[in-house]
Amino acid sequence: MEDFLAEELINIVKKNTASDFEEAFERAFELTKAYAGSANAQASAIPFVFEKLFELFVTGKARS
């Protein structure tokens, strides 16, 4: 994850400050919760799924 995205994520989670990426956070969080609740979810993959979804919703593209 790029430093800029990581800083915005920290602002949303810890500092409760307004961010342009709050909607991206909410969408990624909801989809990650759905994945985590599925029968095929792997616990070790959940943080990775959230990170990639957040990055996708913020930038419009996913890096591998």
C-alpha atoms as a PDB file:
ATOM      1  CA  MET A   1       0.000   0.000   0.000  1.00  0.00           C
ATOM      2  CA  GLU A   2       1.316   3.410  -0.885  1.00  0.00           C
ATOM      3  CA  ASP A   3       2.271   5.734   1.962  1.00  0.00           C
ATOM      4  CA  PHE A   4      -0.413   8.227   0.996  1.00  0.00           C
ATOM      5  CA  LEU A   5      -3.142   5.576   1.192  1.00  0.00           C
ATOM      6  CA  ALA A   6      -1.794   4.270   4.478  1.00  0.00           C
ATOM      7  CA  GLU A   7      -1.864   7.771   5.986  1.00  0.00           C
ATOM      8  CA  GLU A   8      -5.448   8.322   4.844  1.00  0.00           C
ATOM      9  CA  LEU A   9      -6.452   4.974   6.328  1.00  0.00           C
ATOM     10  CA  ILE A  10      -4.867   5.945   9.649  1.00  0.00           C
ATOM     11  CA  ASN A  11      -6.711   9.270   9.572  1.00  0.00           C
ATOM     12  CA  ILE A  12     -10.026   7.493   9.080  1.00  0.00           C
ATOM     13  CA  VAL A  13      -9.508   4.802  11.716  1.00  0.00           C
ATOM     14  CA  LYS A  14      -7.558   6.489  14.508  1.00  0.00           C
ATOM     15  CA  LYS A  15      -7.939  10.215  14.210  1.00  0.00           C
ATOM     16  CA  ASN A  16     -11.624  10.376  13.266  1.00  0.00           C
ATOM     17  CA  THR A  17     -10.873  13.252  10.930  1.00  0.00           C
ATOM     18  CA  ALA A  18     -12.755  13.958   7.735  1.00  0.00           C
ATOM     19  CA  SER A  19     -11.306  12.240   4.709  1.00  0.00           C
ATOM     20  CA  ASP A  20     -12.168  12.126   1.042  1.00  0.00           C
ATOM     21  CA  PHE A  21     -11.825   8.355   1.259  1.00  0.00           C
ATOM     22  CA  GLU A  22     -14.394   7.566   3.948  1.00  0.00           C
ATOM     23  CA  GLU A  23     -16.763   6.066   1.391  1.00  0.00           C
ATOM     24  CA  ALA A  24     -13.973   3.860   0.024  1.00  0.00           C
ATOM     25  CA  PHE A  25     -13.236   2.720   3.587  1.00  0.00           C
ATOM     26  CA  GLU A  26     -16.880   1.892   4.255  1.00  0.00           C
ATOM     27  CA  ARG A  27     -17.280  -0.051   1.010  1.00  0.00           C
ATOM     28  CA  ALA A  28     -14.065  -2.014   1.571  1.00  0.00           C
ATOM     29  CA  PHE A  29     -15.030  -2.703   5.199  1.00  0.00           C
ATOM     30  CA  GLU A  30     -18.494  -3.999   4.293  1.00  0.00           C
ATOM     31  CA  LEU A  31     -17.161  -6.294   1.564  1.00  0.00           C
ATOM     32  CA  THR A  32     -14.412  -7.553   3.860  1.00  0.00           C
ATOM     33  CA  LYS A  33     -16.991  -8.323   6.554  1.00  0.00           C
ATOM     34  CA  ALA A  34     -19.005 -10.301   4.013  1.00  0.00           C
ATOM     35  CA  TYR A  35     -15.891 -12.244   2.999  1.00  0.00           C
ATOM     36  CA  ALA A  36     -14.906 -12.875   6.627  1.00  0.00           C
ATOM     37  CA  GLY A  37     -18.355 -14.274   7.351  1.00  0.00           C
ATOM     38  CA  SER A  38     -18.288 -16.686   4.447  1.00  0.00           C
ATOM     39  CA  ALA A  39     -17.548 -20.358   4.912  1.00  0.00           C
ATOM     40  CA  ASN A  40     -14.508 -20.205   2.618  1.00  0.00           C
ATOM     41  CA  ALA A  41     -12.786 -17.263   4.333  1.00  0.00           C
ATOM     42  CA  GLN A  42      -9.192 -17.745   5.410  1.00  0.00           C
ATOM     43  CA  ALA A  43      -8.321 -15.749   8.512  1.00  0.00           C
ATOM     44  CA  SER A  44      -4.871 -14.846   7.232  1.00  0.00           C
ATOM     45  CA  ALA A  45      -6.319 -13.382   4.023  1.00  0.00           C
ATOM     46  CA  ILE A  46      -8.819 -11.000   5.635  1.00  0.00           C
ATOM     47  CA  PRO A  47      -6.408  -8.036   6.166  1.00  0.00           C
ATOM     48  CA  PHE A  48      -5.048  -8.484   2.644  1.00  0.00           C
ATOM     49  CA  VAL A  49      -8.573  -8.465   1.196  1.00  0.00           C
ATOM     50  CA  PHE A  50      -9.410  -5.227   3.023  1.00  0.00           C
ATOM     51  CA  GLU A  51      -6.175  -3.550   1.929  1.00  0.00           C
ATOM     52  CA  LYS A  52      -6.668  -4.461  -1.714  1.00  0.00           C
ATOM     53  CA  LEU A  53     -10.332  -3.416  -1.715  1.00  0.00           C
ATOM     54  CA  PHE A  54      -9.515  -0.065  -0.083  1.00  0.00           C
ATOM     55  CA  GLU A  55      -6.770   0.558  -2.613  1.00  0.00           C
ATOM     56  CA  LEU A  56      -9.099  -0.413  -5.469  1.00  0.00           C
ATOM     57  CA  PHE A  57     -11.864   1.939  -4.341  1.00  0.00           C
ATOM     58  CA  VAL A  58      -9.467   4.859  -3.778  1.00  0.00           C
ATOM     59  CA  THR A  59      -7.346   4.576  -6.912  1.00  0.00           C
ATOM     60  CA  GLY A  60      -9.652   2.696  -9.269  1.00  0.00           C
ATOM     61  CA  LYS A  61      -7.022   0.034  -9.867  1.00  0.00           C
ATOM     62  CA  ALA A  62      -5.444  -2.793  -7.918  1.00  0.00           C
ATOM     63  CA  ARG A  63      -1.765  -3.594  -7.844  1.00  0.00           C
ATOM     64  CA  SER A  64      -0.620  -7.147  -7.333  1.00  0.00           C
END
